[in-house]
Amino acid sequence: MKPLDIAKTVLETKGGFLHVNDIATLAYELELCSERELKDLPSELSGALSKEVKTKKPFFSRIKDGKGGYEKGVYRLKKSQRFPKHRWGES
């Protein structure tokens, strides 16, 4: 599987936000990767997720720390904005 597919599957299963190392460990536990792939998976996930977050319509987002920056290596699934928050004609 591709790193982004692995991250999506793990985050959908566990929910919330996770560090890249935790995503790799859970991917191995969910049998999404082999033990041989587990060694390189965190760096592959980190690179793929950091590139994907910078696209115009990302599927993942980073977690902010309290100091105006972002926590290193922590990602979550982006919340969907497909449905409007209010009905038509209401403000």
N, C-alpha and C. Protein backbone atom coordinates (compact mmCIF):
# COMPACT_ATOMS: atom_id res chain seq x y z
N MET A 1 0.83 -1.19 0.00
CA MET A 1 0.00 0.00 0.00
C MET A 1 0.87 1.25 0.00
N LYS A 2 0.32 2.32 -0.50
CA LYS A 2 1.02 3.59 -0.49
C LYS A 2 0.96 4.20 0.91
N PRO A 3 1.93 5.04 1.27
CA PRO A 3 1.95 5.63 2.61
C PRO A 3 0.68 6.42 2.94
N LEU A 4 0.14 7.17 1.99
CA LEU A 4 -1.07 7.95 2.26
C LEU A 4 -2.28 7.04 2.50
N ASP A 5 -2.35 5.93 1.78
CA ASP A 5 -3.44 4.98 2.00
C ASP A 5 -3.33 4.33 3.38
N ILE A 6 -2.12 4.03 3.78
CA ILE A 6 -1.89 3.45 5.11
C ILE A 6 -2.31 4.44 6.19
N ALA A 7 -1.88 5.70 6.04
CA ALA A 7 -2.22 6.71 7.04
C ALA A 7 -3.73 6.93 7.12
N LYS A 8 -4.38 6.95 5.97
CA LYS A 8 -5.83 7.16 5.94
C LYS A 8 -6.55 6.01 6.64
N THR A 9 -6.15 4.78 6.35
CA THR A 9 -6.78 3.62 6.97
C THR A 9 -6.60 3.61 8.48
N VAL A 10 -5.39 3.89 8.93
CA VAL A 10 -5.10 3.87 10.37
C VAL A 10 -5.85 4.98 11.09
N LEU A 11 -5.85 6.19 10.52
CA LEU A 11 -6.54 7.31 11.17
C LEU A 11 -8.05 7.14 11.16
N GLU A 12 -8.59 6.52 10.12
CA GLU A 12 -10.03 6.24 10.11
C GLU A 12 -10.38 5.19 11.17
N THR A 13 -9.50 4.23 11.36
CA THR A 13 -9.73 3.17 12.33
C THR A 13 -9.63 3.70 13.77
N LYS A 14 -8.58 4.44 14.06
CA LYS A 14 -8.33 4.90 15.42
C LYS A 14 -8.99 6.24 15.73
N GLY A 15 -9.14 7.10 14.74
CA GLY A 15 -9.72 8.42 14.98
C GLY A 15 -8.74 9.35 15.68
N GLY A 16 -9.08 10.61 15.76
CA GLY A 16 -8.24 11.58 16.44
C GLY A 16 -6.99 11.91 15.65
N PHE A 17 -5.92 12.20 16.36
CA PHE A 17 -4.65 12.53 15.72
C PHE A 17 -3.56 11.63 16.27
N LEU A 18 -2.58 11.34 15.42
CA LEU A 18 -1.49 10.44 15.80
C LEU A 18 -0.17 10.93 15.25
N HIS A 19 0.91 10.55 15.93
CA HIS A 19 2.26 10.82 15.45
C HIS A 19 2.60 9.80 14.37
N VAL A 20 3.53 10.15 13.50
CA VAL A 20 3.89 9.28 12.38
C VAL A 20 4.41 7.93 12.87
N ASN A 21 5.17 7.91 13.96
CA ASN A 21 5.67 6.65 14.51
C ASN A 21 4.53 5.77 14.99
N ASP A 22 3.51 6.39 15.60
CA ASP A 22 2.36 5.64 16.07
C ASP A 22 1.54 5.09 14.90
N ILE A 23 1.43 5.88 13.83
CA ILE A 23 0.72 5.42 12.64
C ILE A 23 1.42 4.19 12.06
N ALA A 24 2.75 4.22 12.02
CA ALA A 24 3.51 3.09 11.49
C ALA A 24 3.33 1.85 12.35
N THR A 25 3.37 2.02 13.67
CA THR A 25 3.21 0.89 14.58
C THR A 25 1.82 0.28 14.45
N LEU A 26 0.80 1.12 14.38
CA LEU A 26 -0.57 0.63 14.24
C LEU A 26 -0.79 -0.01 12.87
N ALA A 27 -0.12 0.49 11.85
CA ALA A 27 -0.23 -0.12 10.52
C ALA A 27 0.33 -1.54 10.54
N TYR A 28 1.41 -1.74 11.28
CA TYR A 28 1.97 -3.09 11.41
C TYR A 28 1.02 -3.99 12.20
N GLU A 29 0.40 -3.45 13.26
CA GLU A 29 -0.54 -4.24 14.05
C GLU A 29 -1.80 -4.59 13.26
N LEU A 30 -2.22 -3.68 12.36
CA LEU A 30 -3.39 -3.93 11.52
C LEU A 30 -3.03 -4.73 10.27
N GLU A 31 -1.76 -5.16 10.17
CA GLU A 31 -1.24 -5.96 9.06
C GLU A 31 -1.36 -5.24 7.72
N LEU A 32 -1.11 -3.92 7.73
CA LEU A 32 -1.09 -3.14 6.50
C LEU A 32 0.30 -3.08 5.89
N CYS A 33 1.31 -3.45 6.67
CA CYS A 33 2.68 -3.48 6.18
C CYS A 33 3.41 -4.63 6.86
N SER A 34 4.52 -5.04 6.27
CA SER A 34 5.30 -6.13 6.84
C SER A 34 6.31 -5.58 7.85
N GLU A 35 6.94 -6.48 8.56
CA GLU A 35 7.94 -6.07 9.55
C GLU A 35 9.15 -5.42 8.86
N ARG A 36 9.45 -5.87 7.67
CA ARG A 36 10.56 -5.32 6.91
C ARG A 36 10.26 -3.87 6.49
N GLU A 37 9.02 -3.58 6.13
CA GLU A 37 8.62 -2.23 5.72
C GLU A 37 8.48 -1.28 6.90
N LEU A 38 8.29 -1.83 8.09
CA LEU A 38 8.05 -1.02 9.29
C LEU A 38 9.21 -0.08 9.61
N LYS A 39 10.43 -0.50 9.28
CA LYS A 39 11.62 0.29 9.60
C LYS A 39 11.63 1.62 8.84
N ASP A 40 11.24 1.60 7.56
CA ASP A 40 11.28 2.81 6.73
C ASP A 40 9.95 3.55 6.67
N LEU A 41 8.90 2.96 7.21
CA LEU A 41 7.56 3.54 7.07
C LEU A 41 7.40 4.92 7.72
N PRO A 42 7.92 5.19 8.92
CA PRO A 42 7.73 6.53 9.50
C PRO A 42 8.30 7.66 8.64
N SER A 43 9.46 7.46 8.05
CA SER A 43 10.04 8.51 7.20
C SER A 43 9.25 8.67 5.90
N GLU A 44 8.76 7.56 5.34
CA GLU A 44 7.92 7.65 4.14
C GLU A 44 6.60 8.35 4.44
N LEU A 45 6.00 8.02 5.58
CA LEU A 45 4.76 8.67 5.99
C LEU A 45 4.97 10.17 6.21
N SER A 46 6.05 10.52 6.86
CA SER A 46 6.33 11.93 7.15
C SER A 46 6.47 12.73 5.86
N GLY A 47 7.22 12.21 4.91
CA GLY A 47 7.40 12.91 3.64
C GLY A 47 6.12 13.02 2.84
N ALA A 48 5.37 11.93 2.76
CA ALA A 48 4.13 11.94 1.98
C ALA A 48 3.08 12.84 2.61
N LEU A 49 2.95 12.79 3.94
CA LEU A 49 1.95 13.62 4.60
C LEU A 49 2.30 15.10 4.55
N SER A 50 3.58 15.44 4.69
CA SER A 50 3.96 16.85 4.63
C SER A 50 3.72 17.43 3.24
N LYS A 51 3.94 16.64 2.19
CA LYS A 51 3.64 17.11 0.84
C LYS A 51 2.14 17.23 0.62
N GLU A 52 1.37 16.29 1.14
CA GLU A 52 -0.07 16.27 0.91
C GLU A 52 -0.77 17.41 1.63
N VAL A 53 -0.26 17.80 2.79
CA VAL A 53 -0.86 18.90 3.56
C VAL A 53 -0.73 20.23 2.81
N LYS A 54 0.29 20.36 1.98
CA LYS A 54 0.54 21.61 1.26
C LYS A 54 -0.24 21.73 -0.05
N THR A 55 -1.04 20.72 -0.42
CA THR A 55 -1.83 20.80 -1.64
C THR A 55 -3.02 21.72 -1.45
N LYS A 56 -3.74 22.01 -2.54
CA LYS A 56 -4.87 22.93 -2.47
C LYS A 56 -6.03 22.37 -1.65
N LYS A 57 -6.33 21.10 -1.82
CA LYS A 57 -7.41 20.47 -1.07
C LYS A 57 -6.87 19.23 -0.35
N PRO A 58 -6.20 19.46 0.79
CA PRO A 58 -5.59 18.32 1.49
C PRO A 58 -6.63 17.44 2.18
N PHE A 59 -6.29 16.18 2.33
CA PHE A 59 -7.14 15.21 3.02
C PHE A 59 -6.72 15.08 4.48
N PHE A 60 -5.50 15.52 4.79
CA PHE A 60 -4.96 15.47 6.15
C PHE A 60 -4.65 16.89 6.60
N SER A 61 -4.52 17.07 7.92
CA SER A 61 -4.10 18.37 8.44
C SER A 61 -3.15 18.15 9.62
N ARG A 62 -2.37 19.18 9.91
CA ARG A 62 -1.42 19.13 11.02
C ARG A 62 -2.10 19.63 12.28
N ILE A 63 -1.51 19.34 13.43
CA ILE A 63 -2.04 19.75 14.71
C ILE A 63 -1.24 20.95 15.22
N LYS A 64 -1.94 22.01 15.61
CA LYS A 64 -1.26 23.20 16.11
C LYS A 64 -0.84 23.01 17.56
N ASP A 65 0.34 23.57 17.88
CA ASP A 65 0.73 23.61 19.28
C ASP A 65 0.26 24.95 19.85
N GLY A 66 0.44 25.19 21.08
CA GLY A 66 -0.07 26.40 21.70
C GLY A 66 0.75 27.65 21.44
N LYS A 67 1.82 27.54 20.68
CA LYS A 67 2.75 28.65 20.49
C LYS A 67 2.68 29.26 19.10
N GLY A 68 1.69 28.91 18.31
CA GLY A 68 1.56 29.48 16.97
C GLY A 68 2.19 28.63 15.88
N GLY A 69 2.73 27.50 16.23
CA GLY A 69 3.35 26.60 15.24
C GLY A 69 2.59 25.30 15.17
N TYR A 70 3.24 24.28 14.68
CA TYR A 70 2.63 22.95 14.55
C TYR A 70 3.49 21.93 15.28
N GLU A 71 2.84 20.91 15.82
CA GLU A 71 3.57 19.83 16.45
C GLU A 71 4.25 19.00 15.37
N LYS A 72 5.45 18.54 15.63
CA LYS A 72 6.22 17.80 14.64
C LYS A 72 5.69 16.39 14.47
N GLY A 73 5.34 16.03 13.23
CA GLY A 73 4.97 14.66 12.91
C GLY A 73 3.59 14.22 13.34
N VAL A 74 2.73 15.14 13.78
CA VAL A 74 1.39 14.78 14.25
C VAL A 74 0.37 15.22 13.21
N TYR A 75 -0.44 14.27 12.76
CA TYR A 75 -1.43 14.54 11.71
C TYR A 75 -2.78 13.96 12.10
N ARG A 76 -3.83 14.47 11.44
CA ARG A 76 -5.17 13.94 11.60
C ARG A 76 -5.88 14.04 10.26
N LEU A 77 -7.02 13.37 10.15
CA LEU A 77 -7.83 13.51 8.96
C LEU A 77 -8.51 14.87 9.00
N LYS A 78 -8.57 15.53 7.87
CA LYS A 78 -9.20 16.84 7.81
C LYS A 78 -10.70 16.68 7.91
N LYS A 79 -11.34 17.57 8.64
CA LYS A 79 -12.78 17.51 8.79
C LYS A 79 -13.44 17.91 7.48
N SER A 80 -14.49 17.21 7.12
CA SER A 80 -15.17 17.45 5.86
C SER A 80 -16.02 18.71 5.94
N GLN A 81 -15.98 19.51 4.90
CA GLN A 81 -16.80 20.72 4.82
C GLN A 81 -17.86 20.57 3.73
N ARG A 82 -18.23 19.34 3.44
CA ARG A 82 -19.17 19.10 2.33
C ARG A 82 -20.58 19.57 2.63
N PHE A 83 -20.99 19.52 3.88
CA PHE A 83 -22.36 19.85 4.23
C PHE A 83 -22.42 21.23 4.86
N PRO A 84 -23.37 22.06 4.43
CA PRO A 84 -23.47 23.40 5.03
C PRO A 84 -23.91 23.33 6.49
N LYS A 85 -23.49 24.30 7.25
CA LYS A 85 -23.80 24.32 8.68
C LYS A 85 -25.22 24.81 8.94
N HIS A 86 -25.80 25.54 8.00
CA HIS A 86 -27.16 26.03 8.18
C HIS A 86 -27.96 25.73 6.91
N ARG A 87 -29.26 25.86 7.00
CA ARG A 87 -30.11 25.56 5.85
C ARG A 87 -30.18 26.74 4.91
N TRP A 88 -30.65 26.49 3.71
CA TRP A 88 -30.78 27.54 2.72
C TRP A 88 -31.75 28.59 3.21
N GLY A 89 -31.41 29.86 3.02
CA GLY A 89 -32.26 30.96 3.40
C GLY A 89 -32.13 31.39 4.84
N GLU A 90 -31.36 30.66 5.65
CA GLU A 90 -31.13 31.03 7.04
C GLU A 90 -29.76 31.63 7.19
N SER A 91 -29.61 32.52 8.13
CA SER A 91 -28.30 33.15 8.36
C SER A 91 -27.69 32.65 9.64
